[in-house]
C-alpha atoms as a PDB file:
ATOM      1  CA  PRO A   1     178.829  -0.549 228.839  1.00  0.00           C
ATOM      2  CA  ARG A   2     182.051   0.829 227.460  1.00  0.00           C
ATOM      3  CA  SER A   3     183.609  -0.785 224.426  1.00  0.00           C
ATOM      4  CA  LEU A   4     187.116  -2.169 224.785  1.00  0.00           C
ATOM      5  CA  ARG A   5     188.347   0.275 222.157  1.00  0.00           C
ATOM      6  CA  GLU A   6     187.264   3.179 224.364  1.00  0.00           C
ATOM      7  CA  THR A   7     188.893   1.589 227.414  1.00  0.00           C
ATOM      8  CA  VAL A   8     192.413   0.500 226.412  1.00  0.00           C
ATOM      9  CA  LEU A   9     195.233   3.025 226.268  1.00  0.00           C
ATOM     10  CA  LYS A  10     198.259   0.720 226.025  1.00  0.00           C
ATOM     11  CA  GLY A  11     199.760  -2.594 227.068  1.00  0.00           C
ATOM     12  CA  GLU A  12     203.270  -3.632 228.062  1.00  0.00           C
ATOM     13  CA  ALA A  13     204.787  -7.060 228.763  1.00  0.00           C
ATOM     14  CA  ALA A  14     207.381  -7.995 231.387  1.00  0.00           C
ATOM     15  CA  PRO A  15     208.318 -11.710 231.368  1.00  0.00           C
ATOM     16  CA  THR A  16     205.076 -13.393 232.484  1.00  0.00           C
ATOM     17  CA  LEU A  17     203.240 -10.214 233.413  1.00  0.00           C
ATOM     18  CA  ALA A  18     201.106  -8.035 231.211  1.00  0.00           C
ATOM     19  CA  VAL A  19     200.341  -4.491 232.275  1.00  0.00           C
ATOM     20  CA  GLY A  20     197.361  -2.714 230.796  1.00  0.00           C
ATOM     21  CA  HIS A  21     196.753   1.011 231.035  1.00  0.00           C
ATOM     22  CA  THR A  22     193.169   2.188 230.665  1.00  0.00           C
ATOM     23  CA  ALA A  23     191.057   5.282 230.802  1.00  0.00           C
ATOM     24  CA  THR A  24     190.402   6.432 234.373  1.00  0.00           C
ATOM     25  CA  GLY A  25     187.940   4.123 236.105  1.00  0.00           C
ATOM     26  CA  ALA A  26     188.044   1.426 233.419  1.00  0.00           C
ATOM     27  CA  ALA A  27     190.682  -0.987 234.749  1.00  0.00           C
ATOM     28  CA  GLN A  28     188.306  -3.239 236.691  1.00  0.00           C
ATOM     29  CA  TYR A  29     185.950  -3.469 233.706  1.00  0.00           C
ATOM     30  CA  LEU A  30     188.787  -4.540 231.402  1.00  0.00           C
ATOM     31  CA  ALA A  31     190.338  -6.931 233.948  1.00  0.00           C
ATOM     32  CA  GLY A  32     187.008  -8.679 234.435  1.00  0.00           C
ATOM     33  CA  HIS A  33     186.571  -9.017 230.692  1.00  0.00           C
ATOM     34  CA  ILE A  34     190.058 -10.495 230.244  1.00  0.00           C
ATOM     35  CA  ASP A  35     189.602 -12.902 233.168  1.00  0.00           C
ATOM     36  CA  ARG A  36     186.240 -14.192 231.913  1.00  0.00           C
ATOM     37  CA  SER A  37     186.963 -14.258 228.180  1.00  0.00           C
ATOM     38  CA  GLY A  38     189.056 -17.427 228.145  1.00  0.00           C
ATOM     39  CA  LEU A  39     190.915 -15.988 225.138  1.00  0.00           C
ATOM     40  CA  PHE A  40     194.213 -15.548 226.926  1.00  0.00           C
ATOM     41  CA  GLU A  41     196.396 -17.759 229.105  1.00  0.00           C
ATOM     42  CA  CYS A  42     195.982 -15.651 232.224  1.00  0.00           C
ATOM     43  CA  VAL A  43     196.253 -16.890 235.779  1.00  0.00           C
ATOM     44  CA  GLY A  44     194.536 -13.829 237.217  1.00  0.00           C
ATOM     45  CA  SER A  45     194.642 -10.068 237.409  1.00  0.00           C
ATOM     46  CA  VAL A  46     194.756  -7.190 239.867  1.00  0.00           C
ATOM     47  CA  ALA A  47     193.076  -3.954 238.830  1.00  0.00           C
ATOM     48  CA  GLY A  48     193.371  -0.474 240.205  1.00  0.00           C
ATOM     49  CA  ASP A  49     191.663   2.598 238.806  1.00  0.00           C
ATOM     50  CA  ASP A  50     193.524   2.870 235.495  1.00  0.00           C
ATOM     51  CA  THR A  51     196.109   0.051 235.543  1.00  0.00           C
ATOM     52  CA  ILE A  52     195.884  -3.738 235.466  1.00  0.00           C
ATOM     53  CA  VAL A  53     198.601  -6.276 236.240  1.00  0.00           C
ATOM     54  CA  ILE A  54     197.807  -9.643 234.683  1.00  0.00           C
ATOM     55  CA  VAL A  55     199.777 -12.769 235.581  1.00  0.00           C
ATOM     56  CA  MET A  56     200.209 -14.875 232.465  1.00  0.00           C
ATOM     57  CA  ARG A  57     201.179 -18.539 232.073  1.00  0.00           C
ATOM     58  CA  SER A  58     204.101 -17.766 229.752  1.00  0.00           C
ATOM     59  CA  GLU A  59     206.135 -14.935 228.306  1.00  0.00           C
ATOM     60  CA  ALA A  60     204.603 -15.599 224.885  1.00  0.00           C
ATOM     61  CA  ALA A  61     201.105 -15.302 226.360  1.00  0.00           C
ATOM     62  CA  ALA A  62     202.016 -11.978 227.993  1.00  0.00           C
ATOM     63  CA  HIS A  63     203.278 -10.613 224.667  1.00  0.00           C
ATOM     64  CA  HIS A  64     200.173 -11.876 222.853  1.00  0.00           C
ATOM     65  CA  LEU A  65     197.850 -10.139 225.315  1.00  0.00           C
ATOM     66  CA  CYS A  66     199.836  -6.896 225.117  1.00  0.00           C
ATOM     67  CA  GLU A  67     199.807  -6.986 221.317  1.00  0.00           C
ATOM     68  CA  THR A  68     196.043  -7.424 221.458  1.00  0.00           C
ATOM     69  CA  LEU A  69     195.708  -4.468 223.854  1.00  0.00           C
ATOM     70  CA  VAL A  70     197.915  -2.279 221.657  1.00  0.00           C
ATOM     71  CA  ASN A  71     195.889  -3.218 218.565  1.00  0.00           C
ATOM     72  CA  LEU A  72     192.662  -2.322 220.382  1.00  0.00           C
ATOM     73  CA  SER A  73     194.052   1.014 221.542  1.00  0.00           C
ATOM     74  CA  GLU A  74     195.234   1.911 218.031  1.00  0.00           C
ATOM     75  CA  LYS A  75     191.790   1.186 216.570  1.00  0.00           C
ATOM     76  CA  GLY A  76     190.107   3.339 219.213  1.00  0.00           C
END
């Protein structure tokens, strides 16, 4: 399996939504990981090929997830 550091390209927040950009073909892998992890206050996600839209419970939760995604992408 791919590591998250190889998968994440960037993350952006918009009120209670988090948008994650991934390497081509990795969005569903990352969305599944986020949904199952229990680490974030997410309601659910929709994944395409290289983009994920994640519905968060609050604006703060969306920013926290995006900060985490950005930190992962920078360490990659």
